[in-house]
Amino acid sequence: MTEREWDTLTAIERAFLVNAMEMDILPGVFGDLTEAEQTLPLHDLADVLLSIKV
């Protein structure tokens, strides 16, 4: 992934990508989200995860 591609990702998408590489995707993502993002319904977070194309 190029820096330009990285810069186009939302903070939630970045959290998923970072934590996917760290092998703790779901527990780790919550720690990287803002308090407001942590309250999003899980299906909204799943939609973000599924939309990431790398």
C-alpha atoms as a PDB file:
ATOM      1  CA  MET A   1       0.000   0.000   0.000  1.00  0.00           C
ATOM      2  CA  THR A   2       1.377   3.376  -0.948  1.00  0.00           C
ATOM      3  CA  GLU A   3       1.444   6.364   1.365  1.00  0.00           C
ATOM      4  CA  ARG A   4      -1.145   8.035  -0.850  1.00  0.00           C
ATOM      5  CA  GLU A   5      -3.469   5.032  -0.534  1.00  0.00           C
ATOM      6  CA  TRP A   6      -2.903   4.976   3.242  1.00  0.00           C
ATOM      7  CA  ASP A   7      -3.782   8.665   3.435  1.00  0.00           C
ATOM      8  CA  THR A   8      -7.145   8.034   1.743  1.00  0.00           C
ATOM      9  CA  LEU A   9      -8.241   5.555   4.424  1.00  0.00           C
ATOM     10  CA  THR A  10     -10.474   6.557   7.294  1.00  0.00           C
ATOM     11  CA  ALA A  11      -9.210   6.164  10.844  1.00  0.00           C
ATOM     12  CA  ILE A  12     -11.407   3.080  11.263  1.00  0.00           C
ATOM     13  CA  GLU A  13     -10.002   1.492   8.092  1.00  0.00           C
ATOM     14  CA  ARG A  14      -6.458   2.176   9.310  1.00  0.00           C
ATOM     15  CA  ALA A  15      -7.256   0.600  12.670  1.00  0.00           C
ATOM     16  CA  PHE A  16      -8.500  -2.554  10.941  1.00  0.00           C
ATOM     17  CA  LEU A  17      -5.440  -2.771   8.711  1.00  0.00           C
ATOM     18  CA  VAL A  18      -2.948  -2.192  11.509  1.00  0.00           C
ATOM     19  CA  ASN A  19      -4.607  -4.734  13.742  1.00  0.00           C
ATOM     20  CA  ALA A  20      -4.967  -7.292  10.963  1.00  0.00           C
ATOM     21  CA  MET A  21      -1.192  -7.215  10.647  1.00  0.00           C
ATOM     22  CA  GLU A  22      -0.886  -7.562  14.422  1.00  0.00           C
ATOM     23  CA  MET A  23      -3.149 -10.647  14.438  1.00  0.00           C
ATOM     24  CA  ASP A  24      -5.562  -9.224  17.025  1.00  0.00           C
ATOM     25  CA  ILE A  25      -8.019  -7.621  14.658  1.00  0.00           C
ATOM     26  CA  LEU A  26     -11.198  -7.271  16.726  1.00  0.00           C
ATOM     27  CA  PRO A  27      -9.820  -6.700  20.229  1.00  0.00           C
ATOM     28  CA  GLY A  28      -7.083  -4.457  18.880  1.00  0.00           C
ATOM     29  CA  VAL A  29      -9.348  -2.344  16.699  1.00  0.00           C
ATOM     30  CA  PHE A  30     -11.480  -1.268  19.628  1.00  0.00           C
ATOM     31  CA  GLY A  31      -8.379   0.030  21.398  1.00  0.00           C
ATOM     32  CA  ASP A  32      -7.489   2.145  18.363  1.00  0.00           C
ATOM     33  CA  LEU A  33     -10.937   3.672  17.890  1.00  0.00           C
ATOM     34  CA  THR A  34     -12.167   6.874  19.428  1.00  0.00           C
ATOM     35  CA  GLU A  35     -14.776   6.635  22.154  1.00  0.00           C
ATOM     36  CA  ALA A  36     -17.489   7.621  19.661  1.00  0.00           C
ATOM     37  CA  GLU A  37     -16.321   5.026  17.128  1.00  0.00           C
ATOM     38  CA  GLN A  38     -16.346   2.317  19.807  1.00  0.00           C
ATOM     39  CA  THR A  39     -20.094   2.812  20.200  1.00  0.00           C
ATOM     40  CA  LEU A  40     -20.838   2.147  16.533  1.00  0.00           C
ATOM     41  CA  PRO A  41     -22.936  -0.964  15.868  1.00  0.00           C
ATOM     42  CA  LEU A  42     -20.746  -3.970  15.070  1.00  0.00           C
ATOM     43  CA  HIS A  43     -22.347  -4.355  11.637  1.00  0.00           C
ATOM     44  CA  ASP A  44     -21.152  -0.831  10.759  1.00  0.00           C
ATOM     45  CA  LEU A  45     -17.606  -1.775  11.749  1.00  0.00           C
ATOM     46  CA  ALA A  46     -17.904  -5.036   9.803  1.00  0.00           C
ATOM     47  CA  ASP A  47     -18.987  -3.053   6.731  1.00  0.00           C
ATOM     48  CA  VAL A  48     -15.825  -0.949   7.040  1.00  0.00           C
ATOM     49  CA  LEU A  49     -13.681  -4.066   7.323  1.00  0.00           C
ATOM     50  CA  LEU A  50     -15.300  -5.678   4.299  1.00  0.00           C
ATOM     51  CA  SER A  51     -14.931  -2.521   2.214  1.00  0.00           C
ATOM     52  CA  ILE A  52     -11.130  -2.392   2.568  1.00  0.00           C
ATOM     53  CA  LYS A  53      -9.437  -3.407  -0.633  1.00  0.00           C
ATOM     54  CA  VAL A  54      -5.682  -3.845  -0.448  1.00  0.00           C
END
